[in-house]
């Protein structure tokens, strides 16, 4: 089922999750164990992130390209077919060619995966290009390419080509971030992506619900009608208190930071309680789905789910 259908068919707030493929050389068991633990709570869908290849020089001075975390497509296929949970594959423009993107979309379609989150991703989109290859310079161009394939338009002319069925999500930012440092620019970009074929949006993590509510209200005032799913991260490690702000260009309320720094031994309990309060307020506001950024650790998430399902 497509994400937009999960949203439209939802009577109560549902909880979705984002996981990260394991590092190269590691097994998939940790992923399967996480999904198994979440499965009893009937998640509507699970996102699997995508990571660009890194470029380095080998001993001969030749550029080599390798992914540190491969497996996005295969993990989506395993989850969807083994657990019967819909999946959302992340596709990035940075670090991927248009040809690689087209191949990925074809593979996902063959696997019966109907959901994509189109993102910019990390790295330089033109860092490693072979002759004749092209890239999407930004996530807007990526949304256009996905929509082209939904209409049966491939990078090369193919007679009697088949279209693919995809629901396209985009990332949005209640707070300023690296790619969008003002609200007007963000709104303009969201509108362009909707015109290009975006079906729904999911926010960057935030720790103050007012930022989400204000952002949604402003979007609605600007005529943006697509669903905007709130994204939450549970702070469960001391280094996250400072690192999350620097990496994701977000703000963490002083109350949460002060409490976490004063009582590091109980940071999991502090982060869990904060996320529960956020979740309850969002549920009371009637949001159809809350999206949790797990970073491959479900211990605190399971405590939250057990509390919310009491």
Protein backbone atom coordinates (compact mmCIF):
# COMPACT_ATOMS: atom_id res chain seq x y z
CA UNK A 1 0.00 0.00 0.00
CA UNK A 2 1.15 3.53 -0.69
CA UNK A 3 1.95 5.91 2.15
CA UNK A 4 -0.71 8.34 1.00
CA UNK A 5 -3.30 5.54 1.28
CA UNK A 6 -2.15 4.71 4.81
CA UNK A 7 -2.64 8.38 5.67
CA UNK A 8 -6.05 8.68 4.04
CA UNK A 9 -7.31 5.42 5.58
CA UNK A 10 -6.06 6.18 9.08
CA UNK A 11 -8.62 6.58 11.85
CA UNK A 12 -6.12 6.76 14.71
CA UNK A 13 -2.53 7.96 14.84
CA UNK A 14 -0.12 5.34 13.53
CA UNK A 15 3.63 5.09 14.11
CA UNK A 16 6.20 4.62 11.35
CA UNK A 17 9.97 4.23 11.66
CA UNK A 18 13.22 4.95 9.87
CA UNK A 19 16.11 2.50 9.94
CA UNK A 20 19.63 2.54 8.51
CA UNK A 21 21.26 -0.27 6.49
CA UNK A 22 24.14 -1.97 8.34
CA UNK A 23 27.74 -1.07 7.59
CA UNK A 24 29.44 -2.97 4.80
CA UNK A 25 30.62 -6.30 6.16
CA UNK A 26 27.92 -6.52 8.82
CA UNK A 27 24.93 -8.82 8.66
CA UNK A 28 21.25 -7.97 8.30
CA UNK A 29 20.17 -9.80 11.48
CA UNK A 30 20.14 -6.61 13.60
CA UNK A 31 17.67 -5.10 11.11
CA UNK A 32 15.43 -8.15 11.12
CA UNK A 33 15.45 -8.29 14.91
CA UNK A 34 14.42 -4.62 15.10
CA UNK A 35 11.58 -5.10 12.64
CA UNK A 36 10.45 -8.22 14.48
CA UNK A 37 10.24 -6.27 17.75
CA UNK A 38 8.24 -3.47 16.08
CA UNK A 39 5.97 -5.73 14.06
CA UNK A 40 3.57 -6.50 16.92
CA UNK A 41 2.63 -2.81 16.99
CA UNK A 42 1.49 -2.97 13.33
CA UNK A 43 3.58 -0.22 11.74
CA UNK A 44 2.03 1.09 8.51
CA UNK A 45 5.44 1.41 6.86
CA UNK A 46 9.17 1.51 7.55
CA UNK A 47 11.66 3.81 5.82
CA UNK A 48 15.10 2.54 4.84
CA UNK A 49 17.74 5.20 4.31
CA UNK A 50 20.09 5.43 1.35
CA UNK A 51 23.73 6.43 1.53
CA UNK A 52 25.92 7.74 -1.26
CA UNK A 53 29.11 6.04 -2.25
CA UNK A 54 32.33 7.60 -1.07
CA UNK A 55 35.19 8.28 -3.44
CA UNK A 56 38.77 7.49 -2.51
CA UNK A 57 42.11 6.87 -4.19
CA UNK A 58 43.55 3.36 -4.26
CA UNK A 59 47.27 2.54 -4.15
CA UNK A 60 47.51 3.11 -7.88
CA UNK A 61 46.05 6.59 -7.53
CA UNK A 62 42.82 5.63 -9.24
CA UNK A 63 39.45 6.79 -7.95
CA UNK A 64 37.28 4.08 -6.46
CA UNK A 65 33.63 4.31 -5.49
CA UNK A 66 32.14 2.29 -2.63
CA UNK A 67 29.07 2.47 -0.40
CA UNK A 68 29.65 2.22 3.34
CA UNK A 69 26.03 1.15 3.87
CA UNK A 70 24.70 -0.78 0.87
CA UNK A 71 21.44 -2.69 0.87
CA UNK A 72 18.58 -0.18 0.81
CA UNK A 73 16.61 -1.97 -1.90
CA UNK A 74 17.20 -5.50 -0.61
CA UNK A 75 16.28 -4.53 2.96
CA UNK A 76 13.06 -2.94 1.71
CA UNK A 77 12.29 -6.16 -0.14
CA UNK A 78 13.03 -8.36 2.89
CA UNK A 79 10.86 -6.28 5.23
CA UNK A 80 7.95 -6.01 2.84
CA UNK A 81 7.90 -9.66 1.81
CA UNK A 82 8.88 -11.32 5.10
CA UNK A 83 6.89 -9.14 7.50
CA UNK A 84 4.19 -7.80 5.16
CA UNK A 85 5.05 -4.24 6.20
CA UNK A 86 5.13 -1.60 3.48
CA UNK A 87 8.49 0.07 2.99
CA UNK A 88 9.74 3.44 1.81
CA UNK A 89 13.07 3.41 0.00
CA UNK A 90 15.09 6.60 0.25
CA UNK A 91 16.56 7.83 -3.02
CA UNK A 92 19.17 10.58 -3.00
CA UNK A 93 20.43 12.74 -5.82
CA UNK A 94 23.86 13.38 -4.29
CA UNK A 95 26.26 10.54 -5.04
CA UNK A 96 23.94 8.80 -7.50
CA UNK A 97 23.63 9.13 -11.26
CA UNK A 98 20.29 9.39 -13.05
CA UNK A 99 21.05 6.01 -14.57
CA UNK A 100 21.53 4.45 -11.12
CA UNK A 101 18.31 6.09 -9.95
CA UNK A 102 16.37 4.71 -12.90
CA UNK A 103 17.75 1.21 -12.26
CA UNK A 104 16.82 1.48 -8.57
CA UNK A 105 13.26 2.55 -9.38
CA UNK A 106 12.87 -0.36 -11.80
CA UNK A 107 14.13 -2.84 -9.19
CA UNK A 108 11.82 -1.40 -6.53
CA UNK A 109 8.89 -1.65 -8.90
CA UNK A 110 9.70 -5.31 -9.65
CA UNK A 111 9.76 -5.99 -5.88
CA UNK A 112 6.32 -4.43 -5.43
CA UNK A 113 7.66 -1.49 -3.42
CA UNK A 114 5.53 1.56 -4.15
CA UNK A 115 7.01 4.26 -1.92
CA UNK A 116 9.98 6.57 -2.37
CA UNK A 117 11.35 9.41 -0.27
CA UNK A 118 13.23 11.76 -2.59
CA UNK A 119 16.05 13.55 -0.78
CA UNK A 120 19.19 15.50 -1.56
CA UNK A 121 21.45 13.24 0.48
CA UNK A 122 25.07 13.71 1.44
CA UNK A 123 28.03 14.41 -0.77
CA UNK A 124 28.58 16.02 -4.15
CA UNK A 125 26.20 14.95 -6.95
CA UNK A 126 29.00 15.23 -9.52
CA UNK A 127 31.80 13.75 -7.42
CA UNK A 128 32.09 10.53 -9.38
CA UNK A 129 30.70 10.45 -12.90
CA UNK A 130 31.57 8.08 -15.72
CA UNK A 131 31.47 9.21 -19.32
CA UNK A 132 27.96 9.79 -20.53
CA UNK A 133 26.39 9.66 -17.08
CA UNK A 134 24.20 12.44 -15.68
CA UNK A 135 23.00 13.46 -12.23
CA UNK A 136 20.03 15.12 -10.59
CA UNK A 137 21.51 18.33 -9.22
CA UNK A 138 18.89 18.62 -6.48
CA UNK A 139 15.92 16.79 -5.00
CA UNK A 140 13.47 18.72 -7.21
CA UNK A 141 15.08 17.22 -10.28
CA UNK A 142 14.90 13.81 -8.60
CA UNK A 143 11.14 14.20 -8.06
CA UNK A 144 10.81 15.07 -11.75
CA UNK A 145 12.69 11.91 -12.75
CA UNK A 146 10.47 9.75 -10.54
CA UNK A 147 7.37 11.35 -12.07
CA UNK A 148 8.72 10.73 -15.57
CA UNK A 149 8.98 7.02 -14.83
CA UNK A 150 5.48 7.05 -13.35
CA UNK A 151 4.42 8.23 -16.81
CA UNK A 152 6.55 5.66 -18.65
CA UNK A 153 9.25 8.15 -19.67
CA UNK A 154 12.76 6.71 -19.37
CA UNK A 155 16.17 8.34 -19.85
CA UNK A 156 16.34 6.81 -23.33
CA UNK A 157 13.41 6.46 -25.69
CA UNK A 158 11.74 3.07 -25.26
CA UNK A 159 8.77 2.10 -27.37
CA UNK A 160 5.75 0.70 -25.52
CA UNK A 161 7.47 1.33 -22.19
CA UNK A 162 5.76 0.43 -18.92
CA UNK A 163 5.06 2.99 -16.24
CA UNK A 164 5.86 2.38 -12.57
CA UNK A 165 3.54 2.88 -9.62
CA UNK A 166 5.16 5.05 -6.98
CA UNK A 167 4.12 7.31 -4.12
CA UNK A 168 6.67 10.09 -3.73
CA UNK A 169 7.52 11.66 -0.40
CA UNK A 170 9.76 14.64 0.23
CA UNK A 171 11.61 15.99 3.25
CA UNK A 172 10.60 19.35 4.75
CA UNK A 173 12.15 21.42 7.48
CA UNK A 174 10.25 23.22 10.25
CA UNK A 175 13.56 24.86 11.15
CA UNK A 176 16.26 26.30 8.92
CA UNK A 177 18.71 23.81 7.50
CA UNK A 178 21.72 23.53 5.22
CA UNK A 179 19.80 23.59 1.96
CA UNK A 180 17.12 26.12 2.89
CA UNK A 181 17.95 29.01 5.19
CA UNK A 182 14.67 30.89 4.99
CA UNK A 183 10.99 30.03 5.06
CA UNK A 184 10.09 31.67 1.75
CA UNK A 185 12.68 29.59 -0.08
CA UNK A 186 11.48 26.42 1.63
CA UNK A 187 7.83 27.11 0.74
CA UNK A 188 8.71 27.82 -2.89
CA UNK A 189 10.67 24.58 -3.14
CA UNK A 190 7.87 22.53 -1.56
CA UNK A 191 5.36 23.96 -4.06
CA UNK A 192 7.67 23.13 -6.97
CA UNK A 193 8.06 19.56 -5.72
CA UNK A 194 4.30 19.17 -5.38
CA UNK A 195 3.85 20.44 -8.93
CA UNK A 196 6.50 17.91 -9.98
CA UNK A 197 4.58 15.04 -8.36
CA UNK A 198 5.26 14.88 -4.62
CA UNK A 199 2.43 13.18 -2.70
CA UNK A 200 3.34 13.79 0.94
CA UNK A 201 6.06 15.26 3.15
CA UNK A 202 7.87 14.16 6.31
CA UNK A 203 9.66 16.64 8.53
CA UNK A 204 13.19 16.71 9.77
CA UNK A 205 13.36 15.80 13.46
CA UNK A 206 12.22 18.47 15.89
CA UNK A 207 11.98 18.63 19.67
CA UNK A 208 9.48 21.46 20.09
CA UNK A 209 6.03 20.65 18.73
CA UNK A 210 5.22 24.32 18.37
CA UNK A 211 7.73 24.51 15.53
CA UNK A 212 5.86 21.74 13.73
CA UNK A 213 2.40 23.22 14.33
CA UNK A 214 3.56 26.68 13.23
CA UNK A 215 5.21 25.25 10.13
CA UNK A 216 2.10 23.31 9.10
CA UNK A 217 -0.10 26.36 9.68
CA UNK A 218 2.16 28.51 7.49
CA UNK A 219 2.20 25.83 4.77
CA UNK A 220 -1.59 25.63 4.78
CA UNK A 221 -1.74 29.42 4.60
CA UNK A 222 0.42 29.25 1.47
CA UNK A 223 -1.91 26.73 -0.17
CA UNK A 224 0.18 23.60 0.52
CA UNK A 225 -2.32 20.80 1.10
CA UNK A 226 -0.26 17.57 1.02
CA UNK A 227 0.03 15.64 4.32
CA UNK A 228 3.00 16.69 6.47
CA UNK A 229 4.14 13.84 8.74
CA UNK A 230 5.97 14.93 11.92
CA UNK A 231 9.36 13.33 12.57
CA UNK A 232 10.67 12.63 16.09
CA UNK A 233 14.06 11.49 17.37
CA UNK A 234 14.52 10.07 20.87
CA UNK A 235 17.64 11.42 22.54
CA UNK A 236 19.26 8.40 24.17
CA UNK A 237 23.00 9.17 24.10
CA UNK A 238 24.90 12.11 25.67
CA UNK A 239 26.71 13.09 22.47
CA UNK A 240 23.40 13.61 20.67
CA UNK A 241 22.56 16.64 22.80
CA UNK A 242 25.17 18.70 20.97
CA UNK A 243 25.77 16.73 17.78
CA UNK A 244 22.18 16.67 16.54
CA UNK A 245 22.01 20.46 16.51
CA UNK A 246 25.26 20.75 14.56
CA UNK A 247 24.59 17.96 12.07
CA UNK A 248 20.92 18.63 11.32
CA UNK A 249 20.78 22.40 11.91
CA UNK A 250 17.98 22.07 14.45
CA UNK A 251 17.44 23.43 17.95
CA UNK A 252 16.94 21.42 21.12
CA UNK A 253 14.99 23.16 23.92
CA UNK A 254 17.13 24.30 26.84
CA UNK A 255 15.02 22.31 29.28
CA UNK A 256 15.79 19.05 27.48
CA UNK A 257 19.47 19.88 27.06
CA UNK A 258 19.91 20.95 30.68
CA UNK A 259 18.15 17.88 32.05
CA UNK A 260 20.13 15.55 29.81
CA UNK A 261 23.49 17.10 30.71
CA UNK A 262 22.77 17.18 34.43
CA UNK A 263 21.80 13.52 34.59
CA UNK A 264 23.72 11.65 31.89
CA UNK A 265 23.18 8.29 33.58
CA UNK A 266 19.44 8.60 33.02
CA UNK A 267 19.53 10.20 29.58
CA UNK A 268 17.49 7.38 28.05
CA UNK A 269 14.67 7.95 30.52
CA UNK A 270 14.84 11.71 30.00
CA UNK A 271 14.77 11.38 26.20
CA UNK A 272 11.99 8.81 26.34
CA UNK A 273 9.79 10.97 28.56
CA UNK A 274 10.32 13.96 26.25
CA UNK A 275 9.39 11.90 23.18
CA UNK A 276 6.30 10.52 24.95
CA UNK A 277 5.13 14.06 25.73
CA UNK A 278 5.72 15.10 22.13
CA UNK A 279 3.87 12.05 20.86
CA UNK A 280 0.86 12.53 23.13
CA UNK A 281 0.46 16.15 22.06
CA UNK A 282 0.70 15.20 18.38
CA UNK A 283 -1.82 12.38 18.89
CA UNK A 284 -4.23 14.76 20.60
CA UNK A 285 -3.81 17.12 17.64
CA UNK A 286 -4.99 14.33 15.35
CA UNK A 287 -1.92 13.76 13.19
CA UNK A 288 -2.44 10.54 11.19
CA UNK A 289 1.16 9.32 11.48
CA UNK A 290 4.19 10.05 13.68
CA UNK A 291 7.53 9.10 12.16
CA UNK A 292 10.37 8.07 14.48
CA UNK A 293 14.06 8.25 13.56
CA UNK A 294 15.41 5.13 15.25
CA UNK A 295 19.04 5.06 14.09
CA UNK A 296 18.86 1.28 14.59
CA UNK A 297 18.10 1.29 18.30
CA UNK A 298 14.61 0.25 19.35
CA UNK A 299 14.99 -0.05 23.14
CA UNK A 300 13.58 3.39 23.96
CA UNK A 301 11.08 3.18 21.13
CA UNK A 302 9.60 -0.02 22.52
CA UNK A 303 9.17 1.64 25.92
CA UNK A 304 7.31 4.49 24.23
CA UNK A 305 5.08 2.12 22.28
CA UNK A 306 4.24 0.08 25.36
CA UNK A 307 3.31 3.29 27.17
CA UNK A 308 1.21 4.69 24.32
CA UNK A 309 -0.62 1.39 23.82
CA UNK A 310 -1.61 0.99 27.47
